[in-house]
Protein backbone atom coordinates (compact mmCIF):
# COMPACT_ATOMS: atom_id res chain seq x y z
CA UNK A 1 -3.73 46.66 85.68
CA UNK A 2 -1.32 49.59 85.65
CA UNK A 3 -2.50 52.82 87.15
CA UNK A 4 -3.43 55.34 84.51
CA UNK A 5 -1.16 58.38 84.52
CA UNK A 6 -2.93 61.69 84.97
CA UNK A 7 -3.35 63.57 81.75
CA UNK A 8 -1.76 67.02 81.61
CA UNK A 9 -4.16 69.92 81.85
CA UNK A 10 -5.58 71.12 78.59
CA UNK A 11 -4.76 74.54 77.18
CA UNK A 12 -8.14 75.78 78.40
CA UNK A 13 -7.53 74.53 81.93
CA UNK A 14 -3.85 75.32 82.33
CA UNK A 15 -3.48 78.77 80.80
CA UNK A 16 -4.84 80.74 83.76
CA UNK A 17 -3.46 81.43 87.24
CA UNK A 18 -5.54 81.05 90.39
CA UNK A 19 -8.94 82.58 91.09
CA UNK A 20 -8.89 86.05 92.73
CA UNK A 21 -9.51 86.14 96.46
CA UNK A 22 -12.54 88.41 96.08
CA UNK A 23 -14.46 85.54 94.48
CA UNK A 24 -15.10 83.82 97.82
CA UNK A 25 -18.39 84.55 99.52
CA UNK A 26 -17.18 83.06 102.83
CA UNK A 27 -14.00 83.31 104.89
CA UNK A 28 -10.74 82.55 103.07
CA UNK A 29 -8.53 79.69 104.33
CA UNK A 30 -4.79 79.48 103.67
CA UNK A 31 -4.99 75.85 102.50
CA UNK A 32 -6.96 76.98 99.46
CA UNK A 33 -4.19 79.35 98.28
CA UNK A 34 -1.51 78.69 95.67
CA UNK A 35 2.00 79.06 97.16
CA UNK A 36 3.25 80.89 94.04
CA UNK A 37 0.52 83.31 92.89
CA UNK A 38 -1.08 83.47 96.37
CA UNK A 39 -4.55 83.19 94.80
CA UNK A 40 -7.25 80.52 95.16
CA UNK A 41 -6.11 77.23 93.61
CA UNK A 42 -7.15 76.49 90.03
CA UNK A 43 -6.53 72.87 88.95
CA UNK A 44 -4.32 72.27 92.03
CA UNK A 45 -1.11 70.25 91.83
CA UNK A 46 0.58 68.85 94.96
CA UNK A 47 4.36 68.56 95.07
CA UNK A 48 6.38 65.97 96.98
CA UNK A 49 6.88 68.45 99.80
CA UNK A 50 3.09 68.62 100.31
CA UNK A 51 2.54 72.19 99.10
CA UNK A 52 -0.13 72.89 96.52
CA UNK A 53 0.18 75.03 93.39
CA UNK A 54 -2.02 75.98 90.47
CA UNK A 55 -1.18 73.85 87.44
CA UNK A 56 -0.41 77.04 85.46
CA UNK A 57 1.87 78.43 88.17
CA UNK A 58 3.70 75.10 88.69
CA UNK A 59 4.34 74.55 84.97
CA UNK A 60 5.52 78.14 84.55
CA UNK A 61 7.86 77.85 87.55
CA UNK A 62 9.55 74.60 86.39
CA UNK A 63 9.61 75.45 82.67
CA UNK A 64 13.13 76.91 83.05
CA UNK A 65 14.42 74.01 85.16
CA UNK A 66 14.15 72.69 88.72
CA UNK A 67 13.29 75.30 91.36
CA UNK A 68 13.41 75.39 95.14
CA UNK A 69 10.02 75.47 96.86
CA UNK A 70 9.62 78.98 98.25
CA UNK A 71 6.95 77.76 100.72
CA UNK A 72 9.39 75.23 102.22
CA UNK A 73 12.04 77.93 102.56
CA UNK A 74 9.53 80.28 104.18
CA UNK A 75 8.37 77.60 106.64
CA UNK A 76 12.00 76.54 107.31
CA UNK A 77 11.31 72.90 106.34
CA UNK A 78 13.49 72.83 103.24
CA UNK A 79 14.70 69.30 102.52
CA UNK A 80 16.44 68.07 99.40
CA UNK A 81 15.36 66.52 97.10
CA UNK A 82 11.79 66.66 98.45
CA UNK A 83 11.59 70.47 98.32
CA UNK A 84 12.90 70.68 94.75
CA UNK A 85 10.16 71.41 92.21
CA UNK A 86 10.65 69.84 88.79
CA UNK A 87 8.71 68.17 86.02
CA UNK A 88 7.15 64.85 87.11
CA UNK A 89 7.48 65.46 90.85
CA UNK A 90 3.89 66.77 91.31
CA UNK A 91 0.47 65.22 90.74
CA UNK A 92 -3.07 66.62 90.38
CA UNK A 93 -4.68 66.96 93.80
CA UNK A 94 -8.27 65.97 92.99
CA UNK A 95 -9.37 66.10 96.62
CA UNK A 96 -8.26 69.70 96.94
CA UNK A 97 -9.80 70.41 93.55
CA UNK A 98 -13.23 69.12 94.63
CA UNK A 99 -12.95 71.04 97.90
CA UNK A 100 -12.11 74.30 96.14
CA UNK A 101 -14.76 73.86 93.44
CA UNK A 102 -17.43 73.38 96.13
CA UNK A 103 -16.71 76.75 97.79
CA UNK A 104 -19.38 79.45 97.54
CA UNK A 105 -18.45 82.19 95.08
CA UNK A 106 -19.66 85.58 93.89
CA UNK A 107 -18.82 87.48 90.72
CA UNK A 108 -15.91 89.92 91.11
CA UNK A 109 -17.28 92.34 88.50
CA UNK A 110 -19.09 95.40 89.81
CA UNK A 111 -22.92 95.44 89.66
CA UNK A 112 -23.05 91.71 88.84
CA UNK A 113 -25.26 89.81 91.30
CA UNK A 114 -24.29 86.26 90.24
CA UNK A 115 -23.71 83.69 93.01
CA UNK A 116 -22.85 79.99 92.95
CA UNK A 117 -19.88 77.68 93.43
CA UNK A 118 -16.38 78.14 92.06
CA UNK A 119 -16.98 75.20 89.69
CA UNK A 120 -20.09 76.88 88.28
CA UNK A 121 -18.25 80.19 88.11
CA UNK A 122 -15.40 78.70 86.05
CA UNK A 123 -17.64 76.66 83.76
CA UNK A 124 -20.56 78.99 83.12
CA UNK A 125 -19.83 82.54 84.23
CA UNK A 126 -16.15 83.54 84.27
CA UNK A 127 -15.76 84.18 80.57
CA UNK A 128 -19.41 85.05 79.90
CA UNK A 129 -20.21 87.74 82.48
CA UNK A 130 -21.77 90.80 80.85
CA UNK A 131 -20.13 93.04 83.44
CA UNK A 132 -16.52 91.96 82.88
CA UNK A 133 -14.13 94.68 81.73
CA UNK A 134 -12.62 94.21 78.26
CA UNK A 135 -10.44 96.49 76.11
CA UNK A 136 -11.82 97.74 72.83
CA UNK A 137 -9.78 96.05 70.05
CA UNK A 138 -9.55 99.33 68.13
CA UNK A 139 -9.15 102.22 70.60
CA UNK A 140 -8.12 100.09 73.64
CA UNK A 141 -10.70 101.79 75.89
CA UNK A 142 -11.83 99.61 78.82
CA UNK A 143 -15.54 98.78 78.66
CA UNK A 144 -18.03 96.27 79.98
CA UNK A 145 -18.71 93.28 77.78
CA UNK A 146 -22.37 94.22 77.34
CA UNK A 147 -21.36 97.70 76.12
CA UNK A 148 -18.61 96.62 73.75
CA UNK A 149 -20.85 95.91 70.75
CA UNK A 150 -22.63 99.26 71.01
CA UNK A 151 -19.27 101.00 71.46
CA UNK A 152 -17.83 99.35 68.34
CA UNK A 153 -20.86 100.32 66.28
CA UNK A 154 -21.57 103.86 67.50
CA UNK A 155 -18.92 105.36 69.77
CA UNK A 156 -15.43 104.04 68.99
CA UNK A 157 -13.37 106.80 67.31
CA UNK A 158 -11.26 104.15 65.56
CA UNK A 159 -14.18 102.20 64.12
CA UNK A 160 -14.28 101.58 60.40
CA UNK A 161 -17.27 102.76 58.39
CA UNK A 162 -18.27 102.38 54.77
CA UNK A 163 -19.08 105.61 52.95
CA UNK A 164 -22.77 105.62 52.05
CA UNK A 165 -21.92 107.35 48.78
CA UNK A 166 -18.81 105.64 47.37
CA UNK A 167 -18.91 102.53 49.65
CA UNK A 168 -15.20 102.93 50.45
CA UNK A 169 -14.08 102.09 54.04
CA UNK A 170 -12.58 104.80 56.25
CA UNK A 171 -11.98 105.50 59.93
CA UNK A 172 -14.67 107.46 61.74
CA UNK A 173 -12.19 110.17 62.80
CA UNK A 174 -11.46 110.81 59.10
CA UNK A 175 -15.10 111.28 58.11
CA UNK A 176 -14.72 115.00 57.38
CA UNK A 177 -11.54 114.48 55.40
CA UNK A 178 -13.24 111.72 53.40
CA UNK A 179 -16.25 113.92 52.67
CA UNK A 180 -13.88 116.50 51.20
CA UNK A 181 -12.47 114.05 48.65
CA UNK A 182 -15.30 111.55 48.16
CA UNK A 183 -16.00 111.43 44.39
CA UNK A 184 -19.64 110.44 44.98
CA UNK A 185 -20.38 113.07 47.65
CA UNK A 186 -23.58 114.95 46.70
CA UNK A 187 -23.16 118.65 46.01
CA UNK A 188 -25.56 121.49 45.27
CA UNK A 189 -25.16 123.70 42.24
CA UNK A 190 -24.98 127.35 43.28
CA UNK A 191 -26.61 128.41 40.04
CA UNK A 192 -29.58 126.16 39.30
CA UNK A 193 -29.80 124.80 42.90
CA UNK A 194 -29.80 121.24 41.61
CA UNK A 195 -29.07 118.80 44.43
CA UNK A 196 -27.26 115.48 44.73
CA UNK A 197 -24.67 116.14 42.04
CA UNK A 198 -21.69 113.77 42.53
CA UNK A 199 -18.45 115.65 43.11
CA UNK A 200 -16.81 113.88 40.16
CA UNK A 201 -19.50 115.31 37.85
CA UNK A 202 -19.79 118.75 39.46
CA UNK A 203 -17.16 120.37 37.22
CA UNK A 204 -18.86 119.06 34.08
CA UNK A 205 -22.20 120.29 35.39
CA UNK A 206 -21.09 123.87 36.04
CA UNK A 207 -19.51 124.00 32.58
CA UNK A 208 -22.95 123.36 31.07
CA UNK A 209 -25.14 125.01 33.71
CA UNK A 210 -26.51 128.28 32.32
CA UNK A 211 -27.49 129.52 35.79
CA UNK A 212 -24.03 129.20 37.30
CA UNK A 213 -22.50 132.57 38.10
CA UNK A 214 -19.03 133.11 36.70
CA UNK A 215 -16.68 136.11 36.70
CA UNK A 216 -16.78 138.39 33.66
CA UNK A 217 -14.12 137.72 31.04
CA UNK A 218 -12.79 141.24 31.68
CA UNK A 219 -12.14 140.53 35.37
CA UNK A 220 -8.39 140.51 34.57
CA UNK A 221 -8.61 144.23 33.76
CA UNK A 222 -10.86 145.20 36.68
CA UNK A 223 -14.49 144.16 36.04
CA UNK A 224 -15.66 142.70 39.37
CA UNK A 225 -19.11 141.50 38.34
CA UNK A 226 -20.20 137.87 38.34
CA UNK A 227 -23.11 136.99 36.06
CA UNK A 228 -24.94 133.88 34.98
CA UNK A 229 -23.51 132.15 31.93
CA UNK A 230 -26.65 132.68 29.89
CA UNK A 231 -26.42 136.44 30.56
CA UNK A 232 -22.71 136.90 29.81
CA UNK A 233 -23.38 138.17 26.29
CA UNK A 234 -25.96 140.68 27.51
CA UNK A 235 -23.58 141.85 30.23
CA UNK A 236 -20.74 142.37 27.75
CA UNK A 237 -22.98 144.35 25.43
CA UNK A 238 -24.37 146.48 28.23
CA UNK A 239 -20.94 147.18 29.75
CA UNK A 240 -18.87 147.39 26.56
CA UNK A 241 -17.91 151.05 27.20
CA UNK A 242 -16.88 150.23 30.75
CA UNK A 243 -14.84 147.23 29.55
CA UNK A 244 -13.04 149.30 26.90
CA UNK A 245 -12.26 151.97 29.46
CA UNK A 246 -10.85 149.35 31.88
CA UNK A 247 -8.83 147.78 29.06
CA UNK A 248 -7.41 151.18 28.07
CA UNK A 249 -6.35 151.94 31.63
CA UNK A 250 -4.80 148.49 31.94
CA UNK A 251 -2.76 148.86 28.72
CA UNK A 252 -1.67 152.37 29.67
CA UNK A 253 -0.56 151.07 33.05
CA UNK A 254 1.51 148.32 31.40
CA UNK A 255 3.06 150.88 29.08
CA UNK A 256 3.96 153.14 31.96
CA UNK A 257 5.44 150.24 33.87
CA UNK A 258 7.55 149.16 30.91
CA UNK A 259 8.77 152.70 30.34
CA UNK A 260 9.63 153.10 33.99
CA UNK A 261 11.58 149.85 34.19
CA UNK A 262 14.90 151.12 32.74
CA UNK A 263 14.49 154.78 31.78
CA UNK A 264 18.19 155.59 32.06
CA UNK A 265 19.26 152.58 29.98
CA UNK A 266 16.76 153.42 27.23
CA UNK A 267 17.86 157.06 27.12
CA UNK A 268 21.52 155.98 26.98
CA UNK A 269 20.75 153.60 24.14
CA UNK A 270 18.90 156.32 22.22
CA UNK A 271 21.81 158.70 22.72
CA UNK A 272 24.30 156.12 21.48
CA UNK A 273 22.17 155.39 18.42
CA UNK A 274 22.13 159.10 17.63
CA UNK A 275 25.94 159.26 17.95
CA UNK A 276 26.24 156.21 15.71
CA UNK A 277 24.20 157.91 12.99
CA UNK A 278 26.42 160.98 13.17
CA UNK A 279 29.59 158.85 12.99
CA UNK A 280 28.23 156.99 9.98
CA UNK A 281 27.46 160.26 8.18
CA UNK A 282 31.00 161.55 8.85
CA UNK A 283 32.41 158.25 7.63
CA UNK A 284 30.43 158.50 4.40
CA UNK A 285 31.71 162.04 3.81
CA UNK A 286 35.34 161.03 4.38
CA UNK A 287 34.92 157.99 2.15
CA UNK A 288 33.59 160.26 -0.58
CA UNK A 289 36.62 162.53 -0.28
CA UNK A 290 39.00 159.56 -0.49
CA UNK A 291 37.29 158.09 -3.54
CA UNK A 292 37.50 161.55 -5.26
CA UNK A 293 41.27 161.77 -4.63
CA UNK A 294 42.08 158.29 -5.99
CA UNK A 295 40.51 158.33 -9.48
CA UNK A 296 42.39 155.32 -10.97
CA UNK A 297 40.93 153.00 -8.43
CA UNK A 298 37.46 154.52 -8.30
CA UNK A 299 35.78 151.45 -9.70
CA UNK A 300 37.53 149.18 -7.29
CA UNK A 301 36.64 151.31 -4.32
CA UNK A 302 33.03 150.36 -4.79
CA UNK A 303 33.87 146.70 -4.27
CA UNK A 304 37.01 146.72 -2.12
CA UNK A 305 37.63 148.47 1.17
CA UNK A 306 39.63 151.71 0.99
CA UNK A 307 43.41 151.47 1.25
CA UNK A 308 44.72 151.67 4.75
CA UNK A 309 45.74 155.31 5.02
CA UNK A 310 48.10 155.88 7.89
CA UNK A 311 46.05 158.70 9.35
CA UNK A 312 42.44 158.10 8.41
CA UNK A 313 42.48 154.34 8.74
CA UNK A 314 43.50 154.51 12.34
CA UNK A 315 41.51 157.56 13.26
CA UNK A 316 37.84 156.80 12.51
CA UNK A 317 37.31 153.40 10.84
CA UNK A 318 37.57 151.10 13.99
CA UNK A 319 35.64 153.49 16.19
CA UNK A 320 32.23 153.35 14.44
CA UNK A 321 32.51 149.57 14.04
CA UNK A 322 33.17 149.08 17.78
CA UNK A 323 30.41 151.50 18.74
CA UNK A 324 27.93 149.75 16.44
CA UNK A 325 28.77 146.36 17.88
CA UNK A 326 28.42 147.70 21.40
CA UNK A 327 25.09 149.28 20.56
CA UNK A 328 23.82 146.07 19.01
CA UNK A 329 24.82 144.17 22.12
CA UNK A 330 23.17 146.80 24.31
CA UNK A 331 19.97 146.72 22.23
CA UNK A 332 19.95 142.91 22.33
CA UNK A 333 20.40 143.02 26.09
CA UNK A 334 17.55 145.53 26.43
CA UNK A 335 15.27 143.40 24.24
CA UNK A 336 16.12 140.37 26.37
CA UNK A 337 15.26 142.30 29.53
CA UNK A 338 11.99 143.53 28.01
CA UNK A 339 11.09 139.96 26.98
CA UNK A 340 11.90 138.73 30.50
CA UNK A 341 9.78 141.48 32.02
CA UNK A 342 6.91 140.63 29.67
CA UNK A 343 7.15 137.00 30.73
CA UNK A 344 7.09 138.02 34.38
CA UNK A 345 4.10 140.25 33.74
CA UNK A 346 2.25 137.31 32.19
CA UNK A 347 3.10 135.13 35.20
CA UNK A 348 1.91 137.87 37.55
CA UNK A 349 -1.31 138.20 35.55
CA UNK A 350 -1.93 134.46 35.94
CA UNK A 351 -1.23 134.67 39.67
CA UNK A 352 -3.49 137.69 40.01
CA UNK A 353 -6.23 135.83 38.13
CA UNK A 354 -5.85 132.87 40.50
CA UNK A 355 -5.93 135.12 43.54
CA UNK A 356 -9.01 136.88 42.20
CA UNK A 357 -10.81 133.56 41.85
CA UNK A 358 -9.80 132.66 45.41
CA UNK A 359 -10.97 136.03 46.70
CA UNK A 360 -14.25 135.58 44.82
CA UNK A 361 -14.82 132.23 46.55
CA UNK A 362 -13.89 133.74 49.92
CA UNK A 363 -16.27 136.63 49.34
CA UNK A 364 -19.10 134.20 48.70
CA UNK A 365 -18.21 132.34 51.88
CA UNK A 366 -18.13 135.62 53.80
CA UNK A 367 -21.55 136.56 52.43
CA UNK A 368 -22.92 133.19 53.51
CA UNK A 369 -21.35 133.59 56.94
CA UNK A 370 -22.75 137.10 57.25
CA UNK A 371 -26.22 135.85 56.30
CA UNK A 372 -25.97 133.04 58.83
CA UNK A 373 -24.73 135.43 61.51
CA UNK A 374 -27.60 137.81 60.81
CA UNK A 375 -30.07 134.94 61.16
CA UNK A 376 -28.45 133.95 64.45
CA UNK A 377 -28.65 137.56 65.65
CA UNK A 378 -32.35 137.76 64.78
CA UNK A 379 -32.98 134.49 66.58
CA UNK A 380 -30.99 135.79 69.55
CA UNK A 381 -33.12 138.94 69.70
CA UNK A 382 -36.29 136.87 69.53
CA UNK A 383 -34.98 134.64 72.31
CA UNK A 384 -34.13 137.70 74.41
CA UNK A 385 -37.67 139.03 73.92
CA UNK A 386 -39.13 135.66 74.94
CA UNK A 387 -36.88 135.59 78.00
CA UNK A 388 -38.01 139.10 78.97
CA UNK A 389 -41.67 138.09 78.60
CA UNK A 390 -41.10 134.99 80.70
CA UNK A 391 -39.27 137.07 83.33
CA UNK A 392 -42.26 139.42 83.53
CA UNK A 393 -44.59 136.46 83.96
CA UNK A 394 -42.36 135.05 86.67
CA UNK A 395 -42.38 138.38 88.51
CA UNK A 396 -46.19 138.53 88.27
CA UNK A 397 -46.44 134.99 89.59
CA UNK A 398 -44.06 135.86 92.40
CA UNK A 399 -46.24 138.82 93.36
CA UNK A 400 -49.33 136.61 93.23
CA UNK A 401 -47.61 134.01 95.39
CA UNK A 402 -46.63 136.76 97.83
CA UNK A 403 -50.25 137.92 98.09
CA UNK A 404 -51.33 134.32 98.59
CA UNK A 405 -48.78 133.93 101.34
CA UNK A 406 -50.11 137.05 103.05
CA UNK A 407 -53.66 135.71 102.79
CA UNK A 408 -52.52 132.40 104.25
CA UNK A 409 -50.79 134.20 107.11
CA UNK A 410 -53.96 136.21 107.82
CA UNK A 411 -56.05 133.04 107.70
CA UNK A 412 -53.65 131.32 110.07
CA UNK A 413 -53.90 134.30 112.46
CA UNK A 414 -57.70 134.14 112.33
CA UNK A 415 -57.57 130.39 112.93
CA UNK A 416 -55.35 130.94 115.95
CA UNK A 417 -57.78 133.59 117.25
CA UNK A 418 -60.74 131.31 116.70
CA UNK A 419 -58.95 128.40 118.38
CA UNK A 420 -58.20 130.65 121.36
CA UNK A 421 -61.84 131.86 121.68
CA UNK A 422 -64.27 130.04 124.00
CA UNK A 423 -68.06 129.82 123.87
CA UNK A 424 -70.62 128.85 126.57
CA UNK A 425 -72.82 126.90 124.18
CA UNK A 426 -75.30 129.74 123.49
CA UNK A 427 -76.53 129.94 119.93
CA UNK A 428 -75.39 133.25 118.55
CA UNK A 429 -77.41 135.04 115.91
CA UNK A 430 -75.93 137.55 113.58
CA UNK A 431 -78.62 139.91 112.35
CA UNK A 432 -77.73 142.39 109.67
CA UNK A 433 -79.66 145.71 109.34
CA UNK A 434 -80.97 145.36 112.85
CA UNK A 435 -82.54 148.85 112.98
CA UNK A 436 -84.59 148.34 109.83
CA UNK A 437 -85.79 144.92 110.92
CA UNK A 438 -86.75 146.34 114.33
CA UNK A 439 -88.84 149.06 112.71
CA UNK A 440 -90.55 146.46 110.50
CA UNK A 441 -91.35 144.40 113.58
CA UNK A 442 -92.77 147.42 115.42
CA UNK A 443 -94.89 148.24 112.34
CA UNK A 444 -96.34 144.75 112.38
CA UNK A 445 -94.44 143.39 109.44
CA UNK A 446 -92.74 140.06 110.00
CA UNK A 447 -89.10 140.47 109.07
CA UNK A 448 -87.23 137.57 107.49
CA UNK A 449 -84.05 136.87 109.36
CA UNK A 450 -81.22 134.45 108.58
CA UNK A 451 -78.06 133.83 110.50
CA UNK A 452 -75.18 131.41 109.76
CA UNK A 453 -74.63 131.01 113.46
CA UNK A 454 -74.07 127.55 114.95
CA UNK A 455 -73.76 125.97 118.37
CA UNK A 456 -70.16 125.67 119.45
CA UNK A 457 -69.22 123.66 122.49
CA UNK A 458 -65.79 123.30 124.08
CA UNK A 459 -64.92 120.53 126.45
CA UNK A 460 -62.83 121.76 129.37
């Protein structure tokens, strides 16, 4: 029966280099090392030259063609073709494999207390240790395996969340930006204080909300009040005189601005119009004189232009016509400029209206910030008062502790004095008010005496 050829290592067995040296619990021996990766042999192969290699390292080395054995060169025992590594010239060294797998091993990950053999380590612990370091698939931060799930759910800045309002996915770092555009984000009406209004319906709500404060319609002319929608009519009736006054000032300002735009051009145009009228009157007079001199053609003069007189025709007829045309062009130009200025004024009014709305919003934000700041200041003052009270209590306790320390020192001094005193064993009585008790005894009255004295003996 033919010998069965060894099967090539599986992808699970052959896709890893040797075990790290730190895995050994006992002393490391050179015969257990791969001659390529210089780590502990994993699935050892033995070449014809007798040197051992990990199956992964051997296959990687000969994948690009035959290679010289570096171990033979280092040991100066190079011999062709024995020391040439190539496909089919090595076989699995099962004896070395069993020897290596029986070695005592420990886990290389910090804080892991696992112990066993290398075989058990490879089969049951290497890829399952809770203390192994793995990169987060999103942010690439290195973490322990037992912390990776919590990190992905709670801490990873690149984790993907689903908005609890619109259910759309977004990255955690973009949560604020998403809240600014989320169509389902709940908002609070500033007028009626209604809560949980979706952003997509907020504009429709404030259009119908009678409590929402809106700028007065005359804010474009200077009214700076904001009133509730249901009170707009009352406000306009109550402030009608003020609104008319603002409107009058606004119109007068526009008039002054328009008059001050091109004062010289307008005066020049008025002067030219006046000259044109005078020229036309002179022309009419001269035409009347000519029609009186030529009686036979009087009827035709009403329909036809006057005959070209050598003196009059060249002296005044072209001049008024040219002046009139120039004045018409000048007036048309001035009207065009006035129309352009009016258009610019309208654009500026729209921009001013937009800016006023922005300023109104900013003013509300400033008022809110000021209110919040005032609340913080009040809380700060209260905290300062509490700190001062606590400081006073601490100082009182320190004084009390100091007095206690003095009392303890005095008691220690008394104890030292008492320990230094000696007694001869005589019972000592302490009688208070001795004179009075002596008189009572002389008078025949039996005095009652009590003394806390005790017998004290010292052994020398």
